[in-house]
Structure formats: C-alpha cells, structure tokens
Amino acid sequence: MQPLASFYRWYRDTLRHSPYRWLLILGSLLYLLSPADIAPDVFPFLGWIDDGWLLAILVGELSTLLFGGASASPTDGPVVDVQARSIPDDE
C-alpha cells in the first residue's frame, strides 16, 4: 500500500505546485483513453480499477484547485508591508 500512498502524494503535490501541471493533466487523460494500461481494460472490473483510481484523484485534485480549496502556488499573493496607527475617538 505504500507505493500507492507515495504516488498519490507525488501526484497531488505536482498538480498543486508545479509548472508542469497541464502536462500531468494531459498525460493522465491520455492514460485514461489509451488501451495500454497497467491493468488492461479487457479484464472486467480488474482493468477499470487503475483507471478509476487515477480518475478519482484527478477529478478530486482539479476540483480542489478550481474551487479554491488549495492555493495554486506556495504563496497566495504579494506581501504588503503596512504600519498601524491609532485613530482618536470623537467623544
């Protein structure tokens, strides 16, 4: 089970923080459409497990990115340096 967890972490981190994000998405879609798989689709159910697992990860991570669950980059935006000052009461 450890190789699956390692692959999931690598895949998630690459989608969230990589300049190669679109290449990984395209490669995932090509893998899903390709007849050459780790487990061929000619075996019912067994051949669909790897495709279903990859599709679930891809859809989950893309929905997280698109709907704001995770930042697309390690920094969320520019840092603004400000100084606070006290405003006197009008009493």
Protein backbone atom coordinates (compact mmCIF):
# COMPACT_ATOMS: atom_id res chain seq x y z
CA MET A 1 0.00 0.00 0.00
CA GLN A 2 2.99 2.30 0.49
CA PRO A 3 3.68 2.74 -3.27
CA LEU A 4 0.09 3.93 -3.80
CA ALA A 5 0.37 6.48 -1.00
CA SER A 6 3.70 7.71 -2.37
CA PHE A 7 2.25 8.04 -5.86
CA TYR A 8 -0.77 9.91 -4.53
CA ARG A 9 1.41 12.41 -2.61
CA TRP A 10 3.65 12.97 -5.65
CA TYR A 11 0.66 13.38 -7.97
CA ARG A 12 -1.14 15.79 -5.62
CA ASP A 13 1.95 17.90 -4.97
CA THR A 14 2.82 18.05 -8.67
CA LEU A 15 -0.69 19.18 -9.57
CA ARG A 16 -0.76 21.83 -6.86
CA HIS A 17 2.75 23.31 -7.08
CA SER A 18 4.27 22.54 -10.43
CA PRO A 19 4.83 24.45 -13.65
CA TYR A 20 4.19 21.08 -15.35
CA ARG A 21 0.61 20.87 -14.05
CA TRP A 22 -1.02 20.89 -17.50
CA LEU A 23 1.42 18.30 -18.81
CA LEU A 24 0.47 15.98 -15.94
CA ILE A 25 -3.24 16.55 -16.60
CA LEU A 26 -2.79 15.83 -20.31
CA GLY A 27 -0.74 12.71 -19.55
CA SER A 28 -3.42 11.49 -17.14
CA LEU A 29 -6.15 11.97 -19.72
CA LEU A 30 -4.10 10.18 -22.37
CA TYR A 31 -3.52 7.28 -19.96
CA LEU A 32 -7.26 7.05 -19.28
CA LEU A 33 -8.08 6.98 -23.00
CA SER A 34 -5.21 4.70 -24.01
CA PRO A 35 -5.80 0.97 -24.40
CA ALA A 36 -2.34 0.30 -22.85
CA ASP A 37 -2.74 0.26 -19.07
CA ILE A 38 -1.11 -1.23 -16.01
CA ALA A 39 -4.17 -3.47 -15.81
CA PRO A 40 -5.70 -3.88 -19.31
CA ASP A 41 -9.37 -2.97 -19.67
CA VAL A 42 -10.17 -6.30 -21.36
CA PHE A 43 -10.46 -7.82 -17.87
CA PRO A 44 -13.80 -6.61 -16.48
CA PHE A 45 -13.56 -4.69 -13.20
CA LEU A 46 -9.88 -5.52 -12.69
CA GLY A 47 -8.90 -3.41 -15.71
CA TRP A 48 -11.04 -0.50 -14.54
CA ILE A 49 -9.50 -0.22 -11.08
CA ASP A 50 -6.39 1.70 -12.15
CA ASP A 51 -8.42 3.97 -14.44
CA GLY A 52 -11.00 4.65 -11.74
CA TRP A 53 -8.34 5.35 -9.14
CA LEU A 54 -6.49 7.80 -11.41
CA LEU A 55 -9.73 9.47 -12.49
CA ALA A 56 -10.83 9.90 -8.87
CA ILE A 57 -7.53 11.51 -7.91
CA LEU A 58 -7.52 13.75 -10.99
CA VAL A 59 -11.10 14.96 -10.52
CA GLY A 60 -10.64 15.45 -6.79
CA GLU A 61 -7.47 17.48 -7.12
CA LEU A 62 -8.75 19.55 -10.06
CA SER A 63 -11.95 20.40 -8.19
CA THR A 64 -9.85 21.43 -5.19
CA LEU A 65 -7.73 23.69 -7.39
CA LEU A 66 -10.66 25.16 -9.32
CA PHE A 67 -12.90 25.84 -6.34
CA GLY A 68 -10.25 27.32 -4.07
CA GLY A 69 -9.61 24.51 -1.60
CA ALA A 70 -5.86 24.78 -2.13
CA SER A 71 -3.67 27.53 -3.42
CA ALA A 72 -2.22 27.07 -6.89
CA SER A 73 1.16 28.22 -5.65
CA PRO A 74 3.00 28.07 -2.34
CA THR A 75 2.38 31.80 -1.82
CA ASP A 76 -1.13 33.17 -2.03
CA GLY A 77 -0.15 36.61 -3.32
CA PRO A 78 2.05 39.62 -2.73
CA VAL A 79 3.07 40.56 0.78
CA VAL A 80 2.04 44.08 1.76
CA ASP A 81 4.08 45.82 4.43
CA VAL A 82 1.96 48.29 6.43
CA GLN A 83 2.22 50.31 9.61
CA ALA A 84 -0.68 50.53 12.02
CA ARG A 85 -1.69 53.80 13.62
CA SER A 86 -4.23 54.72 16.21
CA ILE A 87 -7.33 56.71 15.27
CA PRO A 88 -8.54 59.06 18.05
CA ASP A 89 -12.11 58.70 19.35
CA ASP A 90 -14.55 61.59 18.66
CA GLU A 91 -16.03 61.62 22.15
